[in-house]
Amino acid sequence: TETWKRALSEAVKIGILQAHFSGGEPTARKDLEELIQHASSI
């Protein structure tokens, strides 16, 4: 989870505007809510 959150924060720093959560099936991850919340907050 923490590595994904860091990657999303670094994405914003280089100018990325959108995060698309995919897989496989992304809802198989229990931390998906946390990743969405982090992406939205930044």
All heavy atoms as atom14 arrays in JSON, in Angstrom:
{
  "sequence": "TETWKRALSEAVKIGILQAHFSGGEPTARKDLEELIQHASSI",
  "atom14_mask": [
    [1, 1, 1, 1, 1, 1, 1, 0, 0, 0, 0, 0, 0, 0],
    [1, 1, 1, 1, 1, 1, 1, 1, 1, 0, 0, 0, 0, 0],
    [1, 1, 1, 1, 1, 1, 1, 0, 0, 0, 0, 0, 0, 0],
    [1, 1, 1, 1, 1, 1, 1, 1, 1, 1, 1, 1, 1, 1],
    [1, 1, 1, 1, 1, 1, 1, 1, 1, 0, 0, 0, 0, 0],
    [1, 1, 1, 1, 1, 1, 1, 1, 1, 1, 1, 0, 0, 0],
    [1, 1, 1, 1, 1, 0, 0, 0, 0, 0, 0, 0, 0, 0],
    [1, 1, 1, 1, 1, 1, 1, 1, 0, 0, 0, 0, 0, 0],
    [1, 1, 1, 1, 1, 1, 0, 0, 0, 0, 0, 0, 0, 0],
    [1, 1, 1, 1, 1, 1, 1, 1, 1, 0, 0, 0, 0, 0],
    [1, 1, 1, 1, 1, 0, 0, 0, 0, 0, 0, 0, 0, 0],
    [1, 1, 1, 1, 1, 1, 1, 0, 0, 0, 0, 0, 0, 0],
    [1, 1, 1, 1, 1, 1, 1, 1, 1, 0, 0, 0, 0, 0],
    [1, 1, 1, 1, 1, 1, 1, 1, 0, 0, 0, 0, 0, 0],
    [1, 1, 1, 1, 0, 0, 0, 0, 0, 0, 0, 0, 0, 0],
    [1, 1, 1, 1, 1, 1, 1, 1, 0, 0, 0, 0, 0, 0],
    [1, 1, 1, 1, 1, 1, 1, 1, 0, 0, 0, 0, 0, 0],
    [1, 1, 1, 1, 1, 1, 1, 1, 1, 0, 0, 0, 0, 0],
    [1, 1, 1, 1, 1, 0, 0, 0, 0, 0, 0, 0, 0, 0],
    [1, 1, 1, 1, 1, 1, 1, 1, 1, 1, 0, 0, 0, 0],
    [1, 1, 1, 1, 1, 1, 1, 1, 1, 1, 1, 0, 0, 0],
    [1, 1, 1, 1, 1, 1, 0, 0, 0, 0, 0, 0, 0, 0],
    [1, 1, 1, 1, 0, 0, 0, 0, 0, 0, 0, 0, 0, 0],
    [1, 1, 1, 1, 0, 0, 0, 0, 0, 0, 0, 0, 0, 0],
    [1, 1, 1, 1, 1, 1, 1, 1, 1, 0, 0, 0, 0, 0],
    [1, 1, 1, 1, 1, 1, 1, 0, 0, 0, 0, 0, 0, 0],
    [1, 1, 1, 1, 1, 1, 1, 0, 0, 0, 0, 0, 0, 0],
    [1, 1, 1, 1, 1, 0, 0, 0, 0, 0, 0, 0, 0, 0],
    [1, 1, 1, 1, 1, 1, 1, 1, 1, 1, 1, 0, 0, 0],
    [1, 1, 1, 1, 1, 1, 1, 1, 1, 0, 0, 0, 0, 0],
    [1, 1, 1, 1, 1, 1, 1, 1, 0, 0, 0, 0, 0, 0],
    [1, 1, 1, 1, 1, 1, 1, 1, 0, 0, 0, 0, 0, 0],
    [1, 1, 1, 1, 1, 1, 1, 1, 1, 0, 0, 0, 0, 0],
    [1, 1, 1, 1, 1, 1, 1, 1, 1, 0, 0, 0, 0, 0],
    [1, 1, 1, 1, 1, 1, 1, 1, 0, 0, 0, 0, 0, 0],
    [1, 1, 1, 1, 1, 1, 1, 1, 0, 0, 0, 0, 0, 0],
    [1, 1, 1, 1, 1, 1, 1, 1, 1, 0, 0, 0, 0, 0],
    [1, 1, 1, 1, 1, 1, 1, 1, 1, 1, 0, 0, 0, 0],
    [1, 1, 1, 1, 1, 0, 0, 0, 0, 0, 0, 0, 0, 0],
    [1, 1, 1, 1, 1, 1, 0, 0, 0, 0, 0, 0, 0, 0],
    [1, 1, 1, 1, 1, 1, 0, 0, 0, 0, 0, 0, 0, 0],
    [1, 1, 1, 1, 1, 1, 1, 1, 0, 0, 0, 0, 0, 0]
  ],
  "atom14_positions": [
    [[0.81, -1.22, 0.0], [0.0, 0.0, 0.0], [0.85, 1.26, 0.0], [0.59, 2.2, -0.77], [-0.92, 0.01, 1.23], [-1.68, -1.21, 1.28], [-1.88, 1.19, 1.19], [0.0, 0.0, 0.0], [0.0, 0.0, 0.0], [0.0, 0.0, 0.0], [0.0, 0.0, 0.0], [0.0, 0.0, 0.0], [0.0, 0.0, 0.0], [0.0, 0.0, 0.0]],
    [[1.85, 1.32, 0.87], [2.66, 2.52, 0.99], [3.45, 2.82, -0.27], [3.64, 3.99, -0.65], [3.59, 2.42, 2.21], [2.85, 2.44, 3.55], [1.92, 3.64, 3.69], [2.38, 4.77, 3.41], [0.76, 3.44, 4.07], [0.0, 0.0, 0.0], [0.0, 0.0, 0.0], [0.0, 0.0, 0.0], [0.0, 0.0, 0.0], [0.0, 0.0, 0.0]],
    [[3.91, 1.76, -0.95], [4.63, 1.97, -2.21], [3.71, 2.53, -3.27], [4.09, 3.42, -4.04], [5.27, 0.65, -2.68], [6.12, 0.14, -1.65], [6.11, 0.88, -3.94], [0.0, 0.0, 0.0], [0.0, 0.0, 0.0], [0.0, 0.0, 0.0], [0.0, 0.0, 0.0], [0.0, 0.0, 0.0], [0.0, 0.0, 0.0], [0.0, 0.0, 0.0]],
    [[2.47, 2.02, -3.33], [1.5, 2.56, -4.29], [1.19, 4.03, -3.98], [1.13, 4.86, -4.9], [0.21, 1.74, -4.27], [0.21, 0.57, -5.19], [0.11, -0.76, -4.86], [0.29, 0.6, -6.62], [0.15, -1.54, -5.99], [0.26, -0.74, -7.08], [0.4, 1.63, -7.56], [0.32, -1.06, -8.44], [0.47, 1.32, -8.91], [0.43, -0.01, -9.34]],
    [[1.03, 4.35, -2.71], [0.72, 5.73, -2.35], [1.88, 6.66, -2.71], [1.68, 7.77, -3.21], [0.38, 5.81, -0.85], [-0.97, 5.19, -0.52], [-1.18, 4.97, 0.96], [-1.39, 6.25, 1.71], [-1.74, 5.99, 3.14], [0.0, 0.0, 0.0], [0.0, 0.0, 0.0], [0.0, 0.0, 0.0], [0.0, 0.0, 0.0], [0.0, 0.0, 0.0]],
    [[3.1, 6.2, -2.48], [4.26, 7.0, -2.86], [4.31, 7.18, -4.38], [4.61, 8.28, -4.87], [5.55, 6.33, -2.36], [6.82, 7.07, -2.81], [8.05, 6.5, -2.15], [8.25, 5.11, -2.43], [8.78, 4.64, -3.56], [9.15, 5.47, -4.53], [8.96, 3.33, -3.73], [0.0, 0.0, 0.0], [0.0, 0.0, 0.0], [0.0, 0.0, 0.0]],
    [[4.01, 6.12, -5.12], [4.01, 6.22, -6.59], [2.98, 7.23, -7.07], [3.25, 8.03, -7.99], [3.72, 4.84, -7.2], [0.0, 0.0, 0.0], [0.0, 0.0, 0.0], [0.0, 0.0, 0.0], [0.0, 0.0, 0.0], [0.0, 0.0, 0.0], [0.0, 0.0, 0.0], [0.0, 0.0, 0.0], [0.0, 0.0, 0.0], [0.0, 0.0, 0.0]],
    [[1.8, 7.24, -6.45], [0.76, 8.2, -6.83], [1.19, 9.63, -6.51], [0.97, 10.55, -7.32], [-0.54, 7.86, -6.11], [-1.25, 6.57, -6.58], [-2.29, 6.13, -5.56], [-1.88, 6.79, -7.95], [0.0, 0.0, 0.0], [0.0, 0.0, 0.0], [0.0, 0.0, 0.0], [0.0, 0.0, 0.0], [0.0, 0.0, 0.0], [0.0, 0.0, 0.0]],
    [[1.82, 9.83, -5.37], [2.3, 11.16, -5.0], [3.38, 11.63, -5.98], [3.4, 12.81, -6.38], [2.86, 11.15, -3.57], [1.82, 10.88, -2.64], [0.0, 0.0, 0.0], [0.0, 0.0, 0.0], [0.0, 0.0, 0.0], [0.0, 0.0, 0.0], [0.0, 0.0, 0.0], [0.0, 0.0, 0.0], [0.0, 0.0, 0.0], [0.0, 0.0, 0.0]],
    [[4.27, 10.72, -6.37], [5.3, 11.07, -7.34], [4.7, 11.36, -8.71], [5.21, 12.2, -9.47], [6.33, 9.95, -7.43], [7.19, 9.82, -6.17], [8.21, 8.7, -6.27], [8.36, 8.11, -7.36], [8.87, 8.41, -5.25], [0.0, 0.0, 0.0], [0.0, 0.0, 0.0], [0.0, 0.0, 0.0], [0.0, 0.0, 0.0], [0.0, 0.0, 0.0]],
    [[3.61, 10.68, -9.03], [2.93, 10.93, -10.3], [2.41, 12.35, -10.37], [2.53, 13.03, -11.4], [1.78, 9.93, -10.48], [0.0, 0.0, 0.0], [0.0, 0.0, 0.0], [0.0, 0.0, 0.0], [0.0, 0.0, 0.0], [0.0, 0.0, 0.0], [0.0, 0.0, 0.0], [0.0, 0.0, 0.0], [0.0, 0.0, 0.0], [0.0, 0.0, 0.0]],
    [[1.83, 12.82, -9.27], [1.32, 14.2, -9.23], [2.46, 15.2, -9.4], [2.33, 16.21, -10.1], [0.58, 14.45, -7.9], [0.27, 15.93, -7.72], [-0.72, 13.65, -7.86], [0.0, 0.0, 0.0], [0.0, 0.0, 0.0], [0.0, 0.0, 0.0], [0.0, 0.0, 0.0], [0.0, 0.0, 0.0], [0.0, 0.0, 0.0], [0.0, 0.0, 0.0]],
    [[3.6, 14.91, -8.82], [4.74, 15.83, -8.89], [5.25, 16.01, -10.31], [5.79, 17.07, -10.64], [5.87, 15.32, -7.98], [5.58, 15.49, -6.5], [6.73, 14.98, -5.65], [6.43, 15.14, -4.16], [7.53, 14.62, -3.32], [0.0, 0.0, 0.0], [0.0, 0.0, 0.0], [0.0, 0.0, 0.0], [0.0, 0.0, 0.0], [0.0, 0.0, 0.0]],
    [[5.1, 14.99, -11.16], [5.56, 15.15, -12.54], [4.44, 15.62, -13.47], [4.63, 15.72, -14.68], [6.22, 13.86, -13.1], [5.22, 12.7, -13.17], [7.43, 13.49, -12.29], [5.8, 11.47, -13.86], [0.0, 0.0, 0.0], [0.0, 0.0, 0.0], [0.0, 0.0, 0.0], [0.0, 0.0, 0.0], [0.0, 0.0, 0.0], [0.0, 0.0, 0.0]],
    [[3.27, 15.92, -12.89], [2.2, 16.54, -13.67], [1.05, 15.66, -14.07], [0.13, 16.1, -14.77], [0.0, 0.0, 0.0], [0.0, 0.0, 0.0], [0.0, 0.0, 0.0], [0.0, 0.0, 0.0], [0.0, 0.0, 0.0], [0.0, 0.0, 0.0], [0.0, 0.0, 0.0], [0.0, 0.0, 0.0], [0.0, 0.0, 0.0], [0.0, 0.0, 0.0]],
    [[1.05, 14.4, -13.64], [-0.04, 13.49, -14.0], [-1.35, 13.95, -13.37], [-1.4, 14.38, -12.23], [0.32, 12.04, -13.59], [1.34, 11.48, -14.58], [-0.91, 11.14, -13.51], [1.84, 10.09, -14.25], [0.0, 0.0, 0.0], [0.0, 0.0, 0.0], [0.0, 0.0, 0.0], [0.0, 0.0, 0.0], [0.0, 0.0, 0.0], [0.0, 0.0, 0.0]],
    [[-2.42, 13.83, -14.16], [-3.74, 14.31, -13.73], [-4.7, 13.18, -13.36], [-5.65, 13.4, -12.62], [-4.38, 15.14, -14.86], [-3.61, 16.37, -15.32], [-4.28, 16.96, -16.55], [-3.51, 17.39, -14.2], [0.0, 0.0, 0.0], [0.0, 0.0, 0.0], [0.0, 0.0, 0.0], [0.0, 0.0, 0.0], [0.0, 0.0, 0.0], [0.0, 0.0, 0.0]],
    [[-4.47, 11.99, -13.9], [-5.45, 10.92, -13.75], [-4.8, 9.62, -13.29], [-3.71, 9.26, -13.76], [-6.15, 10.65, -15.08], [-6.82, 11.86, -15.69], [-7.34, 11.56, -17.08], [-7.46, 10.41, -17.47], [-7.64, 12.6, -17.83], [0.0, 0.0, 0.0], [0.0, 0.0, 0.0], [0.0, 0.0, 0.0], [0.0, 0.0, 0.0], [0.0, 0.0, 0.0]],
    [[-5.49, 8.9, -12.41], [-5.07, 7.57, -11.99], [-6.19, 6.59, -12.32], [-7.33, 6.77, -11.88], [-4.76, 7.54, -10.5], [0.0, 0.0, 0.0], [0.0, 0.0, 0.0], [0.0, 0.0, 0.0], [0.0, 0.0, 0.0], [0.0, 0.0, 0.0], [0.0, 0.0, 0.0], [0.0, 0.0, 0.0], [0.0, 0.0, 0.0], [0.0, 0.0, 0.0]],
    [[-5.86, 5.57, -13.1], [-6.83, 4.54, -13.49], [-6.45, 3.25, -12.78], [-5.38, 2.69, -13.02], [-6.82, 4.37, -15.0], [-7.16, 5.62, -15.74], [-8.43, 5.91, -16.17], [-6.39, 6.68, -16.11], [-8.43, 7.1, -16.79], [-7.21, 7.58, -16.75], [0.0, 0.0, 0.0], [0.0, 0.0, 0.0], [0.0, 0.0, 0.0], [0.0, 0.0, 0.0]],
    [[-7.33, 2.79, -11.88], [-7.06, 1.59, -11.1], [-7.6, 0.37, -11.83], [-8.8, 0.24, -12.07], [-7.69, 1.71, -9.71], [-7.08, 2.81, -8.88], [-7.77, 3.99, -8.65], [-5.81, 2.68, -8.34], [-7.22, 5.01, -7.89], [-5.24, 3.7, -7.59], [-5.94, 4.87, -7.36], [0.0, 0.0, 0.0], [0.0, 0.0, 0.0], [0.0, 0.0, 0.0]],
    [[-6.68, -0.52, -12.18], [-7.04, -1.66, -13.0], [-6.39, -2.92, -12.44], [-5.84, -2.94, -11.34], [-6.59, -1.39, -14.45], [-6.92, -2.47, -15.29], [0.0, 0.0, 0.0], [0.0, 0.0, 0.0], [0.0, 0.0, 0.0], [0.0, 0.0, 0.0], [0.0, 0.0, 0.0], [0.0, 0.0, 0.0], [0.0, 0.0, 0.0], [0.0, 0.0, 0.0]],
    [[-6.46, -3.99, -13.21], [-5.85, -5.25, -12.81], [-5.48, -6.06, -14.03], [-5.02, -5.48, -15.04], [0.0, 0.0, 0.0], [0.0, 0.0, 0.0], [0.0, 0.0, 0.0], [0.0, 0.0, 0.0], [0.0, 0.0, 0.0], [0.0, 0.0, 0.0], [0.0, 0.0, 0.0], [0.0, 0.0, 0.0], [0.0, 0.0, 0.0], [0.0, 0.0, 0.0]],
    [[-5.78, -7.37, -14.03], [-6.6, -8.13, -13.12], [-7.85, -7.41, -12.64], [-8.41, -6.53, -13.28], [0.0, 0.0, 0.0], [0.0, 0.0, 0.0], [0.0, 0.0, 0.0], [0.0, 0.0, 0.0], [0.0, 0.0, 0.0], [0.0, 0.0, 0.0], [0.0, 0.0, 0.0], [0.0, 0.0, 0.0], [0.0, 0.0, 0.0], [0.0, 0.0, 0.0]],
    [[-8.29, -7.84, -11.48], [-9.46, -7.24, -10.84], [-9.01, -6.42, -9.65], [-8.63, -6.97, -8.61], [-10.45, -8.33, -10.43], [-11.66, -7.83, -9.65], [-12.31, -6.61, -10.31], [-12.7, -6.71, -11.49], [-12.42, -5.56, -9.64], [0.0, 0.0, 0.0], [0.0, 0.0, 0.0], [0.0, 0.0, 0.0], [0.0, 0.0, 0.0], [0.0, 0.0, 0.0]],
    [[-9.03, -5.08, -9.77], [-8.48, -4.23, -8.71], [-9.2, -4.34, -7.38], [-8.6, -4.1, -6.33], [-8.61, -2.81, -9.29], [-9.69, -2.92, -10.33], [-9.55, -4.3, -10.9], [0.0, 0.0, 0.0], [0.0, 0.0, 0.0], [0.0, 0.0, 0.0], [0.0, 0.0, 0.0], [0.0, 0.0, 0.0], [0.0, 0.0, 0.0], [0.0, 0.0, 0.0]],
    [[-10.49, -4.72, -7.41], [-11.21, -4.83, -6.15], [-10.8, -6.06, -5.35], [-11.26, -6.25, -4.22], [-12.74, -4.87, -6.4], [-13.07, -6.0, -7.21], [-13.2, -3.6, -7.09], [0.0, 0.0, 0.0], [0.0, 0.0, 0.0], [0.0, 0.0, 0.0], [0.0, 0.0, 0.0], [0.0, 0.0, 0.0], [0.0, 0.0, 0.0], [0.0, 0.0, 0.0]],
    [[-9.91, -6.89, -5.9], [-9.34, -8.0, -5.13], [-8.36, -7.49, -4.08], [-8.0, -8.21, -3.14], [-8.64, -9.0, -6.05], [0.0, 0.0, 0.0], [0.0, 0.0, 0.0], [0.0, 0.0, 0.0], [0.0, 0.0, 0.0], [0.0, 0.0, 0.0], [0.0, 0.0, 0.0], [0.0, 0.0, 0.0], [0.0, 0.0, 0.0], [0.0, 0.0, 0.0]],
    [[-7.93, -6.23, -4.22], [-7.03, -5.61, -3.23], [-7.87, -5.02, -2.09], [-8.77, -4.21, -2.32], [-6.2, -4.49, -3.86], [-5.19, -4.94, -4.88], [-3.83, -5.21, -4.3], [-3.23, -4.16, -3.51], [-1.91, -3.94, -3.43], [-1.07, -4.68, -4.14], [-1.43, -3.0, -2.64], [0.0, 0.0, 0.0], [0.0, 0.0, 0.0], [0.0, 0.0, 0.0]],
    [[-7.54, -5.38, -0.86], [-8.27, -4.86, 0.29], [-7.99, -3.39, 0.56], [-8.75, -2.73, 1.27], [-7.93, -5.7, 1.53], [-8.48, -7.12, 1.49], [-8.15, -7.85, 2.78], [-8.76, -9.24, 2.78], [-8.45, -10.0, 4.04], [0.0, 0.0, 0.0], [0.0, 0.0, 0.0], [0.0, 0.0, 0.0], [0.0, 0.0, 0.0], [0.0, 0.0, 0.0]],
    [[-6.89, -2.89, 0.0], [-6.51, -1.51, 0.27], [-6.99, -0.54, -0.8], [-6.56, 0.62, -0.83], [-4.99, -1.4, 0.42], [-4.23, -1.87, -0.83], [-4.89, -2.33, -1.79], [-2.99, -1.78, -0.83], [0.0, 0.0, 0.0], [0.0, 0.0, 0.0], [0.0, 0.0, 0.0], [0.0, 0.0, 0.0], [0.0, 0.0, 0.0], [0.0, 0.0, 0.0]],
    [[-7.89, -0.97, -1.68], [-8.31, -0.11, -2.78], [-8.94, 1.19, -2.3], [-8.67, 2.26, -2.84], [-9.28, -0.87, -3.7], [-9.81, -0.1, -4.92], [-8.67, 0.44, -5.77], [-10.74, -0.97, -5.76], [0.0, 0.0, 0.0], [0.0, 0.0, 0.0], [0.0, 0.0, 0.0], [0.0, 0.0, 0.0], [0.0, 0.0, 0.0], [0.0, 0.0, 0.0]],
    [[-9.77, 1.12, -1.25], [-10.37, 2.34, -0.71], [-9.3, 3.34, -0.28], [-9.4, 4.54, -0.54], [-11.26, 2.01, 0.5], [-12.5, 1.22, 0.16], [-12.3, -0.28, 0.26], [-11.16, -0.75, 0.04], [-13.27, -0.99, 0.54], [0.0, 0.0, 0.0], [0.0, 0.0, 0.0], [0.0, 0.0, 0.0], [0.0, 0.0, 0.0], [0.0, 0.0, 0.0]],
    [[-8.26, 2.84, 0.36], [-7.19, 3.7, 0.85], [-6.43, 4.34, -0.31], [-6.06, 5.52, -0.26], [-6.23, 2.9, 1.73], [-5.15, 3.74, 2.39], [-4.29, 2.94, 3.37], [-4.63, 1.78, 3.66], [-3.28, 3.49, 3.83], [0.0, 0.0, 0.0], [0.0, 0.0, 0.0], [0.0, 0.0, 0.0], [0.0, 0.0, 0.0], [0.0, 0.0, 0.0]],
    [[-6.21, 3.58, -1.38], [-5.51, 4.11, -2.54], [-6.34, 5.16, -3.27], [-5.82, 6.19, -3.71], [-5.14, 2.97, -3.49], [-4.17, 1.92, -2.93], [-3.89, 0.85, -3.97], [-2.86, 2.57, -2.48], [0.0, 0.0, 0.0], [0.0, 0.0, 0.0], [0.0, 0.0, 0.0], [0.0, 0.0, 0.0], [0.0, 0.0, 0.0], [0.0, 0.0, 0.0]],
    [[-7.65, 4.91, -3.38], [-8.54, 5.9, -4.0], [-8.55, 7.19, -3.18], [-8.45, 8.29, -3.72], [-9.97, 5.34, -4.12], [-10.01, 4.2, -5.15], [-10.95, 6.45, -4.52], [-11.34, 3.45, -5.17], [0.0, 0.0, 0.0], [0.0, 0.0, 0.0], [0.0, 0.0, 0.0], [0.0, 0.0, 0.0], [0.0, 0.0, 0.0], [0.0, 0.0, 0.0]],
    [[-8.66, 7.03, -1.86], [-8.7, 8.2, -0.98], [-7.41, 9.02, -1.1], [-7.45, 10.25, -1.19], [-8.9, 7.74, 0.47], [-9.25, 8.87, 1.45], [-8.03, 9.67, 1.88], [-6.93, 9.12, 2.02], [-8.21, 10.97, 2.11], [0.0, 0.0, 0.0], [0.0, 0.0, 0.0], [0.0, 0.0, 0.0], [0.0, 0.0, 0.0], [0.0, 0.0, 0.0]],
    [[-6.28, 8.33, -1.15], [-5.01, 9.04, -1.27], [-4.91, 9.77, -2.61], [-4.53, 10.95, -2.66], [-3.84, 8.06, -1.13], [-2.5, 8.72, -1.26], [-1.96, 9.53, -0.29], [-1.6, 8.72, -2.3], [-0.79, 9.99, -0.69], [-0.55, 9.52, -1.9], [0.0, 0.0, 0.0], [0.0, 0.0, 0.0], [0.0, 0.0, 0.0], [0.0, 0.0, 0.0]],
    [[-5.26, 9.07, -3.68], [-5.2, 9.68, -5.02], [-6.11, 10.9, -5.1], [-5.72, 11.95, -5.64], [-5.59, 8.65, -6.07], [0.0, 0.0, 0.0], [0.0, 0.0, 0.0], [0.0, 0.0, 0.0], [0.0, 0.0, 0.0], [0.0, 0.0, 0.0], [0.0, 0.0, 0.0], [0.0, 0.0, 0.0], [0.0, 0.0, 0.0], [0.0, 0.0, 0.0]],
    [[-7.31, 10.78, -4.55], [-8.26, 11.89, -4.58], [-7.76, 13.07, -3.75], [-7.9, 14.23, -4.15], [-9.62, 11.41, -4.07], [-10.56, 12.46, -4.07], [0.0, 0.0, 0.0], [0.0, 0.0, 0.0], [0.0, 0.0, 0.0], [0.0, 0.0, 0.0], [0.0, 0.0, 0.0], [0.0, 0.0, 0.0], [0.0, 0.0, 0.0], [0.0, 0.0, 0.0]],
    [[-7.15, 12.77, -2.62], [-6.7, 13.83, -1.71], [-5.56, 14.66, -2.3], [-5.36, 15.81, -1.91], [-6.26, 13.24, -0.37], [-5.04, 12.5, -0.51], [0.0, 0.0, 0.0], [0.0, 0.0, 0.0], [0.0, 0.0, 0.0], [0.0, 0.0, 0.0], [0.0, 0.0, 0.0], [0.0, 0.0, 0.0], [0.0, 0.0, 0.0], [0.0, 0.0, 0.0]],
    [[-4.81, 14.08, -3.24], [-3.7, 14.82, -3.85], [-4.08, 15.37, -5.23], [-3.23, 15.83, -5.99], [-2.42, 13.96, -3.94], [-2.68, 12.67, -4.73], [-1.89, 13.65, -2.55], [-1.43, 11.79, -4.9], [0.0, 0.0, 0.0], [0.0, 0.0, 0.0], [0.0, 0.0, 0.0], [0.0, 0.0, 0.0], [0.0, 0.0, 0.0], [0.0, 0.0, 0.0]]
  ]
}
